Amino acid sequence: MKVILLKDISGLGKLGSEVEVKDGYAKNYLIPNNFVVEATKGALRTVEQKKLAASRKEEKLKEEYKKLADKISSISCTISVEAGEEDKLFGAVTSEMIADSLKLEGAEIDKKKVVLDEPIKKLGVYNVEIRLHPDVKTQVKIWVVKK
């Protein structure tokens, strides 16, 4: 049976692909779970429209992230932490602390978008990468100072 994928399915293909599967697999599993539709001309048109709408939505989201990236790149955040001898921190500066600091500056992001290669455990100035989207990355300057 020829079907059109409504989602990416590992082992079968990507969204919108037309694939051949066994009748029982399609009727008993794929179609009831809304993973596929039977391949017809109308279904092909519908899937193409969905793909087009999804790509427009992705482009709009990417533009919003680019604007946010420009805003973030101009921000310099200060994080006050407890520190001991030789400017070593008690603990570390986390991605959540950085996200909260950016939120105070007016740029709200999720802590999962902050990329720390290694933990920040000393006082100083750090450039931290913010990955907003697979294609949109920026850097923010973080000042880690003693309380």
C-alpha atoms as a PDB file:
ATOM      1  CA  MET A   1       0.000   0.000   0.000  1.00  0.00           C
ATOM      2  CA  LYS A   2       1.294   3.447  -0.877  1.00  0.00           C
ATOM      3  CA  VAL A   3       1.059   5.963   1.965  1.00  0.00           C
ATOM      4  CA  ILE A   4       2.175   9.537   2.649  1.00  0.00           C
ATOM      5  CA  LEU A   5       3.993  10.217   5.911  1.00  0.00           C
ATOM      6  CA  LEU A   6       2.482  12.898   8.151  1.00  0.00           C
ATOM      7  CA  LYS A   7       5.464  12.793  10.539  1.00  0.00           C
ATOM      8  CA  ASP A   8       9.129  11.853  10.399  1.00  0.00           C
ATOM      9  CA  ILE A   9       9.319   8.118  11.115  1.00  0.00           C
ATOM     10  CA  SER A  10      12.707   6.496  11.545  1.00  0.00           C
ATOM     11  CA  GLY A  11      13.103   3.579   9.202  1.00  0.00           C
ATOM     12  CA  LEU A  12      10.421   4.845   6.801  1.00  0.00           C
ATOM     13  CA  GLY A  13      11.206   8.435   5.872  1.00  0.00           C
ATOM     14  CA  LYS A  14      10.507  12.099   6.434  1.00  0.00           C
ATOM     15  CA  LEU A  15       7.320  14.137   6.508  1.00  0.00           C
ATOM     16  CA  GLY A  16       5.585  14.200   3.123  1.00  0.00           C
ATOM     17  CA  SER A  17       7.431  11.212   1.696  1.00  0.00           C
ATOM     18  CA  GLU A  18       5.456   8.690  -0.316  1.00  0.00           C
ATOM     19  CA  VAL A  19       6.446   5.165   0.734  1.00  0.00           C
ATOM     20  CA  GLU A  20       5.282   1.609   0.147  1.00  0.00           C
ATOM     21  CA  VAL A  21       4.374  -0.386   3.281  1.00  0.00           C
ATOM     22  CA  LYS A  22       2.542  -3.634   3.938  1.00  0.00           C
ATOM     23  CA  ASP A  23      -1.250  -3.360   4.103  1.00  0.00           C
ATOM     24  CA  GLY A  24      -1.548  -4.676   7.665  1.00  0.00           C
ATOM     25  CA  TYR A  25       1.134  -2.329   8.997  1.00  0.00           C
ATOM     26  CA  ALA A  26      -0.606   0.658   7.423  1.00  0.00           C
ATOM     27  CA  LYS A  27      -4.199  -0.275   8.378  1.00  0.00           C
ATOM     28  CA  ASN A  28      -3.512  -1.547  11.892  1.00  0.00           C
ATOM     29  CA  TYR A  29      -0.809   0.810  13.118  1.00  0.00           C
ATOM     30  CA  LEU A  30       0.177   3.755  10.922  1.00  0.00           C
ATOM     31  CA  ILE A  31      -3.263   5.049   9.866  1.00  0.00           C
ATOM     32  CA  PRO A  32      -5.004   4.689  13.295  1.00  0.00           C
ATOM     33  CA  ASN A  33      -2.124   6.583  14.971  1.00  0.00           C
ATOM     34  CA  ASN A  34      -2.283   9.352  12.326  1.00  0.00           C
ATOM     35  CA  PHE A  35       1.277   8.744  11.172  1.00  0.00           C
ATOM     36  CA  VAL A  36       0.257   8.356   7.517  1.00  0.00           C
ATOM     37  CA  VAL A  37      -2.596   8.808   5.058  1.00  0.00           C
ATOM     38  CA  GLU A  38      -3.326   6.714   2.021  1.00  0.00           C
ATOM     39  CA  ALA A  39      -1.599   8.118  -1.068  1.00  0.00           C
ATOM     40  CA  THR A  40      -4.167   9.949  -3.203  1.00  0.00           C
ATOM     41  CA  LYS A  41      -3.935  13.125  -5.275  1.00  0.00           C
ATOM     42  CA  GLY A  42      -5.926  15.071  -2.677  1.00  0.00           C
ATOM     43  CA  ALA A  43      -3.742  13.794   0.165  1.00  0.00           C
ATOM     44  CA  LEU A  44      -0.589  14.786  -1.739  1.00  0.00           C
ATOM     45  CA  ARG A  45      -1.924  18.341  -2.169  1.00  0.00           C
ATOM     46  CA  THR A  46      -2.875  18.546   1.518  1.00  0.00           C
ATOM     47  CA  VAL A  47       0.566  17.374   2.626  1.00  0.00           C
ATOM     48  CA  GLU A  48       2.261  19.874   0.311  1.00  0.00           C
ATOM     49  CA  GLN A  49       0.160  22.682   1.816  1.00  0.00           C
ATOM     50  CA  LYS A  50       1.085  21.525   5.326  1.00  0.00           C
ATOM     51  CA  LYS A  51       4.769  21.480   4.372  1.00  0.00           C
ATOM     52  CA  LEU A  52       4.508  25.001   2.957  1.00  0.00           C
ATOM     53  CA  ALA A  53       2.748  26.291   6.089  1.00  0.00           C
ATOM     54  CA  ALA A  54       5.347  24.635   8.322  1.00  0.00           C
ATOM     55  CA  SER A  55       8.224  26.191   6.350  1.00  0.00           C
ATOM     56  CA  ARG A  56       6.601  29.645   6.589  1.00  0.00           C
ATOM     57  CA  LYS A  57       6.158  29.221  10.318  1.00  0.00           C
ATOM     58  CA  GLU A  58       9.797  28.120  10.656  1.00  0.00           C
ATOM     59  CA  GLU A  59      11.009  31.167   8.691  1.00  0.00           C
ATOM     60  CA  LYS A  60       8.946  33.519  10.860  1.00  0.00           C
ATOM     61  CA  LEU A  61      10.315  31.913  14.022  1.00  0.00           C
ATOM     62  CA  LYS A  62      13.859  32.164  12.650  1.00  0.00           C
ATOM     63  CA  GLU A  63      13.395  35.910  11.980  1.00  0.00           C
ATOM     64  CA  GLU A  64      12.172  36.449  15.553  1.00  0.00           C
ATOM     65  CA  TYR A  65      15.202  34.580  16.875  1.00  0.00           C
ATOM     66  CA  LYS A  66      17.526  36.730  14.722  1.00  0.00           C
ATOM     67  CA  LYS A  67      16.043  39.891  16.266  1.00  0.00           C
ATOM     68  CA  LEU A  68      16.459  38.406  19.745  1.00  0.00           C
ATOM     69  CA  ALA A  69      20.052  37.417  18.909  1.00  0.00           C
ATOM     70  CA  ASP A  70      20.858  41.020  17.923  1.00  0.00           C
ATOM     71  CA  LYS A  71      19.425  42.215  21.217  1.00  0.00           C
ATOM     72  CA  ILE A  72      21.329  39.596  23.242  1.00  0.00           C
ATOM     73  CA  SER A  73      24.664  40.318  21.539  1.00  0.00           C
ATOM     74  CA  SER A  74      24.499  43.921  22.756  1.00  0.00           C
ATOM     75  CA  ILE A  75      23.834  42.903  26.378  1.00  0.00           C
ATOM     76  CA  SER A  76      26.485  42.566  29.069  1.00  0.00           C
ATOM     77  CA  CYS A  77      25.310  40.765  32.226  1.00  0.00           C
ATOM     78  CA  THR A  78      26.778  40.857  35.701  1.00  0.00           C
ATOM     79  CA  ILE A  79      26.395  37.878  38.021  1.00  0.00           C
ATOM     80  CA  SER A  80      27.366  38.304  41.686  1.00  0.00           C
ATOM     81  CA  VAL A  81      28.500  35.136  43.447  1.00  0.00           C
ATOM     82  CA  GLU A  82      30.266  34.097  46.624  1.00  0.00           C
ATOM     83  CA  ALA A  83      33.977  33.515  46.059  1.00  0.00           C
ATOM     84  CA  GLY A  84      36.853  32.326  48.175  1.00  0.00           C
ATOM     85  CA  GLU A  85      40.607  32.547  47.877  1.00  0.00           C
ATOM     86  CA  GLU A  86      42.218  32.944  44.458  1.00  0.00           C
ATOM     87  CA  ASP A  87      38.855  34.060  43.019  1.00  0.00           C
ATOM     88  CA  LYS A  88      37.442  30.522  43.067  1.00  0.00           C
ATOM     89  CA  LEU A  89      33.671  30.308  43.312  1.00  0.00           C
ATOM     90  CA  PHE A  90      31.702  28.332  45.868  1.00  0.00           C
ATOM     91  CA  GLY A  91      29.903  26.233  43.261  1.00  0.00           C
ATOM     92  CA  ALA A  92      29.609  27.363  39.650  1.00  0.00           C
ATOM     93  CA  VAL A  93      27.716  29.766  37.445  1.00  0.00           C
ATOM     94  CA  THR A  94      24.942  27.740  35.814  1.00  0.00           C
ATOM     95  CA  SER A  95      23.012  28.200  32.603  1.00  0.00           C
ATOM     96  CA  GLU A  96      19.944  28.966  34.715  1.00  0.00           C
ATOM     97  CA  MET A  97      21.781  31.871  36.394  1.00  0.00           C
ATOM     98  CA  ILE A  98      22.761  33.226  32.981  1.00  0.00           C
ATOM     99  CA  ALA A  99      19.189  32.887  31.663  1.00  0.00           C
ATOM    100  CA  ASP A 100      17.838  34.696  34.750  1.00  0.00           C
ATOM    101  CA  SER A 101      20.412  37.468  34.307  1.00  0.00           C
ATOM    102  CA  LEU A 102      19.379  37.884  30.649  1.00  0.00           C
ATOM    103  CA  LYS A 103      15.737  37.974  31.729  1.00  0.00           C
ATOM    104  CA  LEU A 104      16.534  40.929  34.005  1.00  0.00           C
ATOM    105  CA  GLU A 105      18.059  42.696  30.997  1.00  0.00           C
ATOM    106  CA  GLY A 106      14.875  42.156  28.980  1.00  0.00           C
ATOM    107  CA  ALA A 107      15.851  39.140  26.865  1.00  0.00           C
ATOM    108  CA  GLU A 108      13.903  36.118  28.019  1.00  0.00           C
ATOM    109  CA  ILE A 109      15.336  32.779  26.901  1.00  0.00           C
ATOM    110  CA  ASP A 110      15.182  29.181  28.064  1.00  0.00           C
ATOM    111  CA  LYS A 111      18.130  27.918  30.110  1.00  0.00           C
ATOM    112  CA  LYS A 112      18.533  25.012  27.661  1.00  0.00           C
ATOM    113  CA  LYS A 113      19.582  27.478  24.965  1.00  0.00           C
ATOM    114  CA  VAL A 114      22.646  28.576  26.980  1.00  0.00           C
ATOM    115  CA  VAL A 115      25.706  26.575  25.906  1.00  0.00           C
ATOM    116  CA  LEU A 116      28.427  26.198  28.540  1.00  0.00           C
ATOM    117  CA  ASP A 117      31.416  24.197  27.295  1.00  0.00           C
ATOM    118  CA  GLU A 118      32.743  23.915  30.831  1.00  0.00           C
ATOM    119  CA  PRO A 119      31.439  25.188  34.166  1.00  0.00           C
ATOM    120  CA  ILE A 120      32.350  28.751  35.150  1.00  0.00           C
ATOM    121  CA  LYS A 121      34.184  28.399  38.463  1.00  0.00           C
ATOM    122  CA  LYS A 122      36.300  31.579  38.643  1.00  0.00           C
ATOM    123  CA  LEU A 123      35.651  35.286  38.686  1.00  0.00           C
ATOM    124  CA  GLY A 124      36.170  37.084  35.403  1.00  0.00           C
ATOM    125  CA  VAL A 125      34.646  37.942  32.042  1.00  0.00           C
ATOM    126  CA  TYR A 126      33.266  35.185  29.853  1.00  0.00           C
ATOM    127  CA  ASN A 127      31.703  35.047  26.398  1.00  0.00           C
ATOM    128  CA  VAL A 128      28.891  32.510  26.535  1.00  0.00           C
ATOM    129  CA  GLU A 129      27.214  31.101  23.439  1.00  0.00           C
ATOM    130  CA  ILE A 130      23.429  31.256  23.186  1.00  0.00           C
ATOM    131  CA  ARG A 131      21.952  28.823  20.633  1.00  0.00           C
ATOM    132  CA  LEU A 132      18.437  30.092  19.929  1.00  0.00           C
ATOM    133  CA  HIS A 133      17.834  28.011  16.798  1.00  0.00           C
ATOM    134  CA  PRO A 134      19.986  25.553  14.853  1.00  0.00           C
ATOM    135  CA  ASP A 135      20.796  28.376  12.416  1.00  0.00           C
ATOM    136  CA  VAL A 136      20.791  31.306  14.897  1.00  0.00           C
ATOM    137  CA  LYS A 137      23.595  31.604  17.451  1.00  0.00           C
ATOM    138  CA  THR A 138      24.920  34.566  19.385  1.00  0.00           C
ATOM    139  CA  GLN A 139      27.258  35.405  22.252  1.00  0.00           C
ATOM    140  CA  VAL A 140      26.652  37.304  25.467  1.00  0.00           C
ATOM    141  CA  LYS A 141      29.329  38.810  27.694  1.00  0.00           C
ATOM    142  CA  ILE A 142      29.032  37.644  31.312  1.00  0.00           C
ATOM    143  CA  TRP A 143      30.854  39.406  34.155  1.00  0.00           C
ATOM    144  CA  VAL A 144      31.260  37.127  37.160  1.00  0.00           C
ATOM    145  CA  VAL A 145      31.992  39.320  40.212  1.00  0.00           C
ATOM    146  CA  LYS A 146      32.401  38.793  43.948  1.00  0.00           C
ATOM    147  CA  LYS A 147      29.437  39.594  46.204  1.00  0.00           C
END
